């Protein structure tokens, strides 16, 4: 084999060894998207809970009077 063939064979093997990492990266990116959506939903829930608690505390203050 010539030097060029050896180099090309090494490059092909290196690229093949990266394929599982590519799959792992794709899975990680999908998981990141899911976690971002969960975080957004939690933020919305927190805001709604703050509003709810604010309304409840105002109602409790008015009842005490």
N, C-alpha and C. Protein backbone atom coordinates (compact mmCIF):
# COMPACT_ATOMS: atom_id res chain seq x y z
N UNK A 1 0.84 -1.19 0.00
CA UNK A 1 0.00 0.00 0.00
C UNK A 1 0.88 1.25 0.00
N UNK A 2 0.36 2.26 -0.62
CA UNK A 2 1.09 3.52 -0.64
C UNK A 2 0.75 4.33 0.61
N UNK A 3 1.52 5.36 0.81
CA UNK A 3 1.31 6.24 1.97
C UNK A 3 -0.09 6.86 1.91
N UNK A 4 -0.49 7.30 0.72
CA UNK A 4 -1.82 7.92 0.56
C UNK A 4 -2.92 6.94 0.93
N UNK A 5 -2.79 5.71 0.50
CA UNK A 5 -3.80 4.71 0.84
C UNK A 5 -3.85 4.46 2.34
N UNK A 6 -2.68 4.42 2.97
CA UNK A 6 -2.62 4.22 4.43
C UNK A 6 -3.30 5.37 5.16
N UNK A 7 -3.03 6.58 4.71
CA UNK A 7 -3.62 7.76 5.34
C UNK A 7 -5.13 7.75 5.15
N UNK A 8 -5.57 7.44 3.95
CA UNK A 8 -7.01 7.39 3.69
C UNK A 8 -7.69 6.32 4.53
N UNK A 9 -7.05 5.17 4.67
CA UNK A 9 -7.61 4.09 5.47
C UNK A 9 -7.71 4.51 6.94
N UNK A 10 -6.70 5.20 7.43
CA UNK A 10 -6.73 5.69 8.82
C UNK A 10 -7.85 6.71 9.01
N UNK A 11 -8.03 7.59 8.05
CA UNK A 11 -9.10 8.58 8.14
C UNK A 11 -10.47 7.93 8.11
N UNK A 12 -10.65 6.95 7.25
CA UNK A 12 -11.93 6.24 7.18
C UNK A 12 -12.22 5.55 8.51
N UNK A 13 -11.21 4.90 9.07
CA UNK A 13 -11.39 4.22 10.36
C UNK A 13 -11.70 5.22 11.47
N UNK A 14 -11.04 6.37 11.43
CA UNK A 14 -11.29 7.39 12.45
C UNK A 14 -12.72 7.91 12.35
N UNK A 15 -13.19 8.12 11.14
CA UNK A 15 -14.57 8.60 10.95
C UNK A 15 -15.56 7.55 11.41
N UNK A 16 -15.30 6.29 11.10
CA UNK A 16 -16.20 5.21 11.55
C UNK A 16 -16.26 5.14 13.07
N UNK A 17 -15.14 5.40 13.72
CA UNK A 17 -15.13 5.33 15.18
C UNK A 17 -15.89 6.50 15.80
N UNK A 18 -16.14 7.55 15.03
CA UNK A 18 -16.88 8.71 15.53
C UNK A 18 -18.39 8.53 15.41
N UNK A 19 -18.86 7.58 14.63
CA UNK A 19 -20.29 7.41 14.40
C UNK A 19 -21.09 7.20 15.69
N UNK A 20 -20.62 6.35 16.63
CA UNK A 20 -21.38 6.22 17.88
C UNK A 20 -21.45 7.53 18.66
N UNK A 21 -20.39 8.32 18.59
CA UNK A 21 -20.40 9.61 19.28
C UNK A 21 -21.43 10.55 18.66
N UNK A 22 -21.58 10.47 17.35
CA UNK A 22 -22.57 11.30 16.67
C UNK A 22 -23.98 10.95 17.14
N UNK A 23 -24.25 9.66 17.28
CA UNK A 23 -25.56 9.22 17.77
C UNK A 23 -25.77 9.72 19.19
N UNK A 24 -24.74 9.62 20.03
CA UNK A 24 -24.85 10.10 21.41
C UNK A 24 -25.10 11.60 21.44
N UNK A 25 -24.46 12.35 20.56
CA UNK A 25 -24.67 13.80 20.51
C UNK A 25 -26.10 14.13 20.09
N UNK A 26 -26.63 13.40 19.13
CA UNK A 26 -28.01 13.64 18.70
C UNK A 26 -28.97 13.37 19.85
N UNK A 27 -28.74 12.30 20.58
CA UNK A 27 -29.60 11.97 21.73
C UNK A 27 -29.49 13.05 22.79
N UNK A 28 -28.28 13.51 23.05
CA UNK A 28 -28.08 14.56 24.04
C UNK A 28 -28.81 15.84 23.63
N UNK A 29 -28.74 16.20 22.37
CA UNK A 29 -29.43 17.40 21.89
C UNK A 29 -30.94 17.27 22.05
N UNK A 30 -31.47 16.08 21.79
CA UNK A 30 -32.90 15.85 21.98
C UNK A 30 -33.26 16.00 23.46
N UNK A 31 -32.42 15.46 24.33
CA UNK A 31 -32.68 15.55 25.76
C UNK A 31 -32.62 16.99 26.24
N UNK A 32 -31.69 17.76 25.70
CA UNK A 32 -31.58 19.17 26.08
C UNK A 32 -32.86 19.90 25.71
N UNK A 33 -33.41 19.61 24.55
CA UNK A 33 -34.66 20.24 24.13
C UNK A 33 -35.79 19.90 25.09
N UNK A 34 -35.84 18.65 25.51
CA UNK A 34 -36.88 18.23 26.46
C UNK A 34 -36.72 18.97 27.78
N UNK A 35 -35.48 19.05 28.28
CA UNK A 35 -35.24 19.74 29.55
C UNK A 35 -35.57 21.23 29.45
N UNK A 36 -35.31 21.84 28.31
CA UNK A 36 -35.66 23.25 28.12
C UNK A 36 -37.18 23.44 28.20
N UNK A 37 -37.93 22.54 27.56
CA UNK A 37 -39.39 22.65 27.62
C UNK A 37 -39.90 22.43 29.03
N UNK A 38 -39.29 21.49 29.76
CA UNK A 38 -39.69 21.26 31.15
C UNK A 38 -39.40 22.49 31.99
N UNK A 39 -38.25 23.11 31.78
CA UNK A 39 -37.89 24.31 32.54
C UNK A 39 -38.87 25.44 32.26
N UNK A 40 -39.26 25.61 31.01
CA UNK A 40 -40.24 26.65 30.66
C UNK A 40 -41.58 26.37 31.33
N UNK A 41 -42.00 25.12 31.33
CA UNK A 41 -43.28 24.76 31.96
C UNK A 41 -43.23 25.02 33.46
N UNK A 42 -42.10 24.71 34.08
CA UNK A 42 -41.95 24.96 35.52
C UNK A 42 -41.98 26.45 35.83
N UNK A 43 -41.35 27.25 34.98
CA UNK A 43 -41.38 28.70 35.17
C UNK A 43 -42.81 29.22 35.10
N UNK A 44 -43.57 28.72 34.13
CA UNK A 44 -44.97 29.14 34.01
C UNK A 44 -45.76 28.73 35.25
N UNK A 45 -45.54 27.50 35.72
CA UNK A 45 -46.24 27.03 36.91
C UNK A 45 -45.88 27.88 38.12
N UNK A 46 -44.60 28.24 38.24
CA UNK A 46 -44.18 29.09 39.36
C UNK A 46 -44.86 30.44 39.31
N UNK A 47 -44.95 31.03 38.12
CA UNK A 47 -45.61 32.32 37.99
C UNK A 47 -47.08 32.21 38.37
N UNK A 48 -47.74 31.16 37.89
CA UNK A 48 -49.15 30.96 38.23
C UNK A 48 -49.33 30.75 39.73
N UNK A 49 -48.42 30.02 40.36
CA UNK A 49 -48.51 29.76 41.80
C UNK A 49 -48.32 31.07 42.57
N UNK A 50 -47.39 31.91 42.11
CA UNK A 50 -47.18 33.21 42.76
C UNK A 50 -48.45 34.05 42.68
N UNK A 51 -49.09 34.04 41.52
CA UNK A 51 -50.34 34.79 41.37
C UNK A 51 -51.41 34.21 42.29
N UNK A 52 -51.51 32.89 42.32
CA UNK A 52 -52.50 32.23 43.17
C UNK A 52 -52.25 32.55 44.64
N UNK A 53 -51.02 32.48 45.06
CA UNK A 53 -50.70 32.77 46.46
C UNK A 53 -50.94 34.23 46.79
N UNK A 54 -50.67 35.10 45.84
CA UNK A 54 -50.93 36.51 46.05
C UNK A 54 -52.41 36.77 46.22
N UNK A 55 -53.23 36.13 45.43
CA UNK A 55 -54.68 36.27 45.55
C UNK A 55 -55.16 35.70 46.86
N UNK A 56 -54.65 34.53 47.25
CA UNK A 56 -55.06 33.91 48.50
C UNK A 56 -54.67 34.75 49.70
N UNK A 57 -53.46 35.33 49.66
CA UNK A 57 -53.04 36.13 50.80
C UNK A 57 -53.88 37.40 50.91
N UNK A 58 -54.26 38.01 49.79
CA UNK A 58 -55.13 39.19 49.82
C UNK A 58 -56.50 38.81 50.36
N UNK A 59 -57.01 37.65 49.97
CA UNK A 59 -58.31 37.18 50.45
C UNK A 59 -58.26 36.95 51.95
N UNK A 60 -57.19 36.36 52.44
CA UNK A 60 -57.04 36.10 53.87
C UNK A 60 -56.96 37.39 54.67
N UNK A 61 -56.28 38.39 54.14
CA UNK A 61 -56.18 39.68 54.82
C UNK A 61 -57.55 40.33 54.90
N UNK A 62 -58.33 40.28 53.82
CA UNK A 62 -59.66 40.88 53.80
C UNK A 62 -60.59 40.15 54.76
N UNK A 63 -60.45 38.85 54.90
CA UNK A 63 -61.31 38.08 55.81
C UNK A 63 -61.01 38.44 57.26
N UNK A 64 -59.77 38.73 57.57
CA UNK A 64 -59.40 39.06 58.95
C UNK A 64 -59.99 40.39 59.38
N UNK A 65 -60.26 41.26 58.45
CA UNK A 65 -60.79 42.59 58.79
C UNK A 65 -62.21 42.47 59.10
